[in-house]
């Protein structure tokens, strides 16, 4: 499952995101959290990213969005930045389910 986050991740909804994604990963599903738009700020939150990674969830950020917000230097080192072509590949070739997280 590819979880696409587009809004700012707060302390309240980060717990929900991590919990849901971790449960799916525990069941053997490959899970990735892609941060786009304002959610790219979460890619700078080391504790949040570490919690996802500890739960075996790939943490991704759209490189163009990170660059537009001048966050490249602040992104957690374990976050993989991807381009638009890689995003399309994830949608078409890797993940069979997509969730858009907007809250």
N, C-alpha and C. Protein backbone atom coordinates (compact mmCIF):
# COMPACT_ATOMS: atom_id res chain seq x y z
N UNK A 1 0.84 -1.17 0.00
CA UNK A 1 0.00 0.00 0.00
C UNK A 1 0.89 1.24 0.00
N UNK A 2 0.52 2.19 -0.83
CA UNK A 2 1.19 3.48 -0.87
C UNK A 2 0.26 4.50 -0.23
N UNK A 3 0.73 5.09 0.88
CA UNK A 3 -0.03 6.13 1.56
C UNK A 3 0.55 7.47 1.10
N UNK A 4 -0.29 8.28 0.49
CA UNK A 4 0.15 9.58 0.00
C UNK A 4 -0.38 10.64 0.95
N UNK A 5 0.55 11.35 1.57
CA UNK A 5 0.20 12.41 2.52
C UNK A 5 0.46 13.75 1.86
N UNK A 6 -0.55 14.63 1.92
CA UNK A 6 -0.38 15.93 1.26
C UNK A 6 -0.52 17.12 2.20
N UNK A 7 -0.99 16.89 3.41
CA UNK A 7 -1.15 17.99 4.37
C UNK A 7 -0.14 17.85 5.49
N UNK A 8 0.05 18.93 6.19
CA UNK A 8 0.99 18.96 7.29
C UNK A 8 0.66 17.85 8.29
N UNK A 9 1.66 17.10 8.68
CA UNK A 9 1.49 16.01 9.63
C UNK A 9 1.65 16.59 11.04
N UNK A 10 0.61 16.41 11.85
CA UNK A 10 0.65 16.91 13.22
C UNK A 10 0.90 15.75 14.18
N UNK A 11 1.13 16.06 15.43
CA UNK A 11 1.36 15.02 16.43
C UNK A 11 0.15 14.09 16.53
N UNK A 12 -1.05 14.65 16.41
CA UNK A 12 -2.26 13.84 16.53
C UNK A 12 -2.41 12.85 15.38
N UNK A 13 -2.26 13.34 14.15
CA UNK A 13 -2.49 12.41 13.04
C UNK A 13 -1.26 11.57 12.73
N UNK A 14 -0.08 11.94 13.22
CA UNK A 14 1.09 11.09 12.98
C UNK A 14 0.93 9.76 13.69
N UNK A 15 0.31 9.77 14.88
CA UNK A 15 0.07 8.51 15.59
C UNK A 15 -0.85 7.60 14.79
N UNK A 16 -1.89 8.17 14.20
CA UNK A 16 -2.82 7.38 13.39
C UNK A 16 -2.13 6.81 12.16
N UNK A 17 -1.35 7.64 11.50
CA UNK A 17 -0.64 7.20 10.30
C UNK A 17 0.29 6.05 10.63
N UNK A 18 1.10 6.21 11.66
CA UNK A 18 2.06 5.18 12.05
C UNK A 18 1.34 3.90 12.46
N UNK A 19 0.30 4.02 13.25
CA UNK A 19 -0.43 2.84 13.73
C UNK A 19 -1.04 2.04 12.58
N UNK A 20 -1.73 2.72 11.71
CA UNK A 20 -2.38 2.03 10.58
C UNK A 20 -1.34 1.39 9.67
N UNK A 21 -0.32 2.15 9.32
CA UNK A 21 0.71 1.63 8.42
C UNK A 21 1.46 0.47 9.07
N UNK A 22 1.75 0.56 10.36
CA UNK A 22 2.46 -0.52 11.06
C UNK A 22 1.64 -1.80 11.08
N UNK A 23 0.33 -1.68 11.29
CA UNK A 23 -0.52 -2.88 11.29
C UNK A 23 -0.51 -3.56 9.93
N UNK A 24 -0.54 -2.79 8.88
CA UNK A 24 -0.47 -3.38 7.54
C UNK A 24 0.88 -4.05 7.30
N UNK A 25 1.94 -3.40 7.73
CA UNK A 25 3.28 -3.97 7.56
C UNK A 25 3.42 -5.26 8.35
N UNK A 26 2.84 -5.31 9.55
CA UNK A 26 2.88 -6.52 10.38
C UNK A 26 2.20 -7.69 9.68
N UNK A 27 1.20 -7.40 8.87
CA UNK A 27 0.48 -8.44 8.14
C UNK A 27 1.22 -8.86 6.87
N UNK A 28 2.39 -8.29 6.66
CA UNK A 28 3.21 -8.67 5.52
C UNK A 28 3.03 -7.81 4.29
N UNK A 29 2.22 -6.78 4.39
CA UNK A 29 2.02 -5.90 3.24
C UNK A 29 3.17 -4.90 3.13
N UNK A 30 3.60 -4.67 1.92
CA UNK A 30 4.62 -3.65 1.69
C UNK A 30 3.96 -2.29 1.77
N UNK A 31 4.47 -1.44 2.67
CA UNK A 31 3.85 -0.15 2.92
C UNK A 31 4.89 0.95 2.74
N UNK A 32 4.47 2.02 2.06
CA UNK A 32 5.31 3.21 1.91
C UNK A 32 4.46 4.43 2.17
N UNK A 33 5.08 5.44 2.78
CA UNK A 33 4.42 6.71 3.03
C UNK A 33 5.12 7.78 2.19
N UNK A 34 4.40 8.30 1.21
CA UNK A 34 4.95 9.33 0.32
C UNK A 34 4.44 10.69 0.76
N UNK A 35 5.36 11.59 1.05
CA UNK A 35 5.03 12.93 1.52
C UNK A 35 5.14 13.91 0.35
N UNK A 36 4.02 14.58 0.06
CA UNK A 36 3.99 15.57 -1.01
C UNK A 36 3.43 16.87 -0.43
N UNK A 37 3.50 17.93 -1.18
CA UNK A 37 2.98 19.24 -0.80
C UNK A 37 3.42 19.59 0.63
N UNK A 38 2.51 20.07 1.48
CA UNK A 38 2.89 20.50 2.83
C UNK A 38 3.32 19.34 3.73
N UNK A 39 2.97 18.13 3.39
CA UNK A 39 3.40 16.98 4.19
C UNK A 39 4.92 16.77 4.12
N UNK A 40 5.58 17.41 3.17
CA UNK A 40 7.04 17.30 3.09
C UNK A 40 7.72 17.78 4.36
N UNK A 41 7.05 18.66 5.10
CA UNK A 41 7.59 19.12 6.38
C UNK A 41 7.85 17.94 7.31
N UNK A 42 7.01 16.91 7.22
CA UNK A 42 7.17 15.74 8.08
C UNK A 42 8.47 15.01 7.81
N UNK A 43 8.98 15.15 6.60
CA UNK A 43 10.25 14.49 6.25
C UNK A 43 11.42 15.08 7.02
N UNK A 44 11.19 16.22 7.68
CA UNK A 44 12.23 16.83 8.50
C UNK A 44 12.08 16.44 9.97
N UNK A 45 11.02 15.73 10.29
CA UNK A 45 10.74 15.32 11.68
C UNK A 45 11.36 13.95 11.93
N UNK A 46 12.55 13.95 12.49
CA UNK A 46 13.33 12.72 12.64
C UNK A 46 12.59 11.65 13.45
N UNK A 47 11.97 12.03 14.55
CA UNK A 47 11.28 11.04 15.40
C UNK A 47 10.14 10.37 14.63
N UNK A 48 9.36 11.15 13.91
CA UNK A 48 8.26 10.62 13.09
C UNK A 48 8.79 9.65 12.04
N UNK A 49 9.83 10.06 11.32
CA UNK A 49 10.40 9.22 10.27
C UNK A 49 10.98 7.93 10.86
N UNK A 50 11.65 8.05 12.00
CA UNK A 50 12.22 6.86 12.65
C UNK A 50 11.14 5.88 13.09
N UNK A 51 10.00 6.42 13.55
CA UNK A 51 8.89 5.53 13.95
C UNK A 51 8.36 4.75 12.76
N UNK A 52 8.22 5.43 11.62
CA UNK A 52 7.77 4.74 10.41
C UNK A 52 8.78 3.67 10.00
N UNK A 53 10.04 4.04 9.96
CA UNK A 53 11.07 3.10 9.54
C UNK A 53 11.17 1.90 10.48
N UNK A 54 11.03 2.15 11.76
CA UNK A 54 11.07 1.06 12.75
C UNK A 54 9.93 0.07 12.50
N UNK A 55 8.82 0.56 11.98
CA UNK A 55 7.67 -0.28 11.66
C UNK A 55 7.77 -0.89 10.26
N UNK A 56 8.93 -0.79 9.64
CA UNK A 56 9.20 -1.35 8.31
C UNK A 56 8.36 -0.69 7.22
N UNK A 57 8.22 0.63 7.34
CA UNK A 57 7.49 1.42 6.35
C UNK A 57 8.49 2.31 5.63
N UNK A 58 8.48 2.24 4.31
CA UNK A 58 9.37 3.10 3.53
C UNK A 58 8.89 4.54 3.65
N UNK A 59 9.82 5.45 3.91
CA UNK A 59 9.49 6.87 4.04
C UNK A 59 10.04 7.59 2.81
N UNK A 60 9.13 8.18 2.05
CA UNK A 60 9.48 8.83 0.79
C UNK A 60 9.01 10.28 0.81
N UNK A 61 9.68 11.11 0.05
CA UNK A 61 9.26 12.49 -0.14
C UNK A 61 9.48 12.87 -1.60
N UNK A 62 8.57 13.63 -2.14
CA UNK A 62 8.69 14.08 -3.53
C UNK A 62 9.75 15.18 -3.59
N UNK A 63 10.82 14.91 -4.28
CA UNK A 63 11.99 15.79 -4.31
C UNK A 63 11.63 17.22 -4.75
N UNK A 64 10.82 17.37 -5.77
CA UNK A 64 10.46 18.70 -6.26
C UNK A 64 9.75 19.52 -5.19
N UNK A 65 8.91 18.86 -4.40
CA UNK A 65 8.18 19.55 -3.34
C UNK A 65 9.13 19.93 -2.20
N UNK A 66 10.06 19.06 -1.87
CA UNK A 66 11.04 19.34 -0.82
C UNK A 66 11.92 20.52 -1.24
N UNK A 67 12.35 20.51 -2.49
CA UNK A 67 13.17 21.60 -3.00
C UNK A 67 12.40 22.91 -3.02
N UNK A 68 11.14 22.88 -3.42
CA UNK A 68 10.33 24.09 -3.49
C UNK A 68 10.17 24.75 -2.12
N UNK A 69 10.23 23.93 -1.08
CA UNK A 69 10.09 24.45 0.28
C UNK A 69 11.44 24.68 0.96
N UNK A 70 12.50 24.50 0.19
CA UNK A 70 13.88 24.68 0.68
C UNK A 70 14.16 23.86 1.94
N UNK A 71 13.77 22.59 1.87
CA UNK A 71 13.93 21.69 3.02
C UNK A 71 14.98 20.61 2.80
N UNK A 72 15.66 20.63 1.67
CA UNK A 72 16.59 19.55 1.33
C UNK A 72 17.59 19.28 2.44
N UNK A 73 18.17 20.32 3.00
CA UNK A 73 19.18 20.16 4.05
C UNK A 73 18.60 19.66 5.37
N UNK A 74 17.29 19.79 5.54
CA UNK A 74 16.65 19.43 6.82
C UNK A 74 16.00 18.05 6.81
N UNK A 75 15.89 17.44 5.63
CA UNK A 75 15.22 16.14 5.52
C UNK A 75 16.01 15.08 6.27
N UNK A 76 15.29 14.26 7.00
CA UNK A 76 15.90 13.15 7.74
C UNK A 76 16.71 12.28 6.78
N UNK A 77 17.88 11.81 7.21
CA UNK A 77 18.75 11.04 6.30
C UNK A 77 18.15 9.72 5.82
N UNK A 78 17.15 9.21 6.51
CA UNK A 78 16.55 7.93 6.11
C UNK A 78 15.36 8.08 5.17
N UNK A 79 15.05 9.31 4.80
CA UNK A 79 13.95 9.56 3.86
C UNK A 79 14.50 9.48 2.45
N UNK A 80 13.82 8.71 1.63
CA UNK A 80 14.23 8.60 0.22
C UNK A 80 13.44 9.63 -0.59
N UNK A 81 14.18 10.50 -1.25
CA UNK A 81 13.52 11.49 -2.11
C UNK A 81 13.37 10.90 -3.51
N UNK A 82 12.18 11.05 -4.07
CA UNK A 82 11.89 10.49 -5.38
C UNK A 82 11.40 11.59 -6.31
N UNK A 83 11.50 11.31 -7.62
CA UNK A 83 11.00 12.26 -8.61
C UNK A 83 9.63 11.79 -9.12
N UNK A 84 9.06 12.55 -10.03
CA UNK A 84 7.72 12.23 -10.54
C UNK A 84 7.68 10.88 -11.25
N UNK A 85 8.71 10.56 -12.02
CA UNK A 85 8.74 9.27 -12.73
C UNK A 85 8.76 8.11 -11.75
N UNK A 86 9.49 8.25 -10.65
CA UNK A 86 9.52 7.19 -9.63
C UNK A 86 8.16 7.06 -8.94
N UNK A 87 7.50 8.19 -8.75
CA UNK A 87 6.17 8.16 -8.15
C UNK A 87 5.20 7.38 -9.05
N UNK A 88 5.24 7.65 -10.33
CA UNK A 88 4.38 6.93 -11.28
C UNK A 88 4.71 5.44 -11.25
N UNK A 89 5.98 5.12 -11.18
CA UNK A 89 6.38 3.71 -11.12
C UNK A 89 5.83 3.03 -9.86
N UNK A 90 5.86 3.74 -8.74
CA UNK A 90 5.28 3.18 -7.52
C UNK A 90 3.79 2.90 -7.70
N UNK A 91 3.10 3.83 -8.34
CA UNK A 91 1.67 3.68 -8.57
C UNK A 91 1.35 2.54 -9.53
N UNK A 92 2.13 2.43 -10.58
CA UNK A 92 1.83 1.47 -11.64
C UNK A 92 2.45 0.09 -11.44
N UNK A 93 3.60 0.02 -10.78
CA UNK A 93 4.35 -1.23 -10.76
C UNK A 93 4.59 -1.84 -9.39
N UNK A 94 4.47 -1.06 -8.34
CA UNK A 94 4.88 -1.56 -7.03
C UNK A 94 3.70 -1.78 -6.09
N UNK A 95 2.87 -0.79 -5.93
CA UNK A 95 1.78 -0.87 -4.95
C UNK A 95 0.44 -1.09 -5.65
N UNK A 96 -0.32 -2.05 -5.12
CA UNK A 96 -1.62 -2.33 -5.72
C UNK A 96 -2.76 -1.56 -5.04
N UNK A 97 -2.46 -0.96 -3.89
CA UNK A 97 -3.47 -0.14 -3.22
C UNK A 97 -2.85 1.22 -2.88
N UNK A 98 -3.68 2.26 -3.07
CA UNK A 98 -3.24 3.64 -2.83
C UNK A 98 -4.23 4.29 -1.88
N UNK A 99 -3.70 4.99 -0.87
CA UNK A 99 -4.55 5.73 0.06
C UNK A 99 -4.06 7.17 0.07
N UNK A 100 -4.99 8.11 -0.10
CA UNK A 100 -4.65 9.51 -0.02
C UNK A 100 -5.08 10.00 1.36
N UNK A 101 -4.09 10.39 2.18
CA UNK A 101 -4.34 10.83 3.55
C UNK A 101 -4.41 12.34 3.56
N UNK A 102 -5.59 12.88 3.85
CA UNK A 102 -5.76 14.33 3.74
C UNK A 102 -6.10 15.01 5.05
N UNK A 103 -6.11 14.30 6.14
CA UNK A 103 -6.46 14.97 7.40
C UNK A 103 -5.24 15.22 8.25
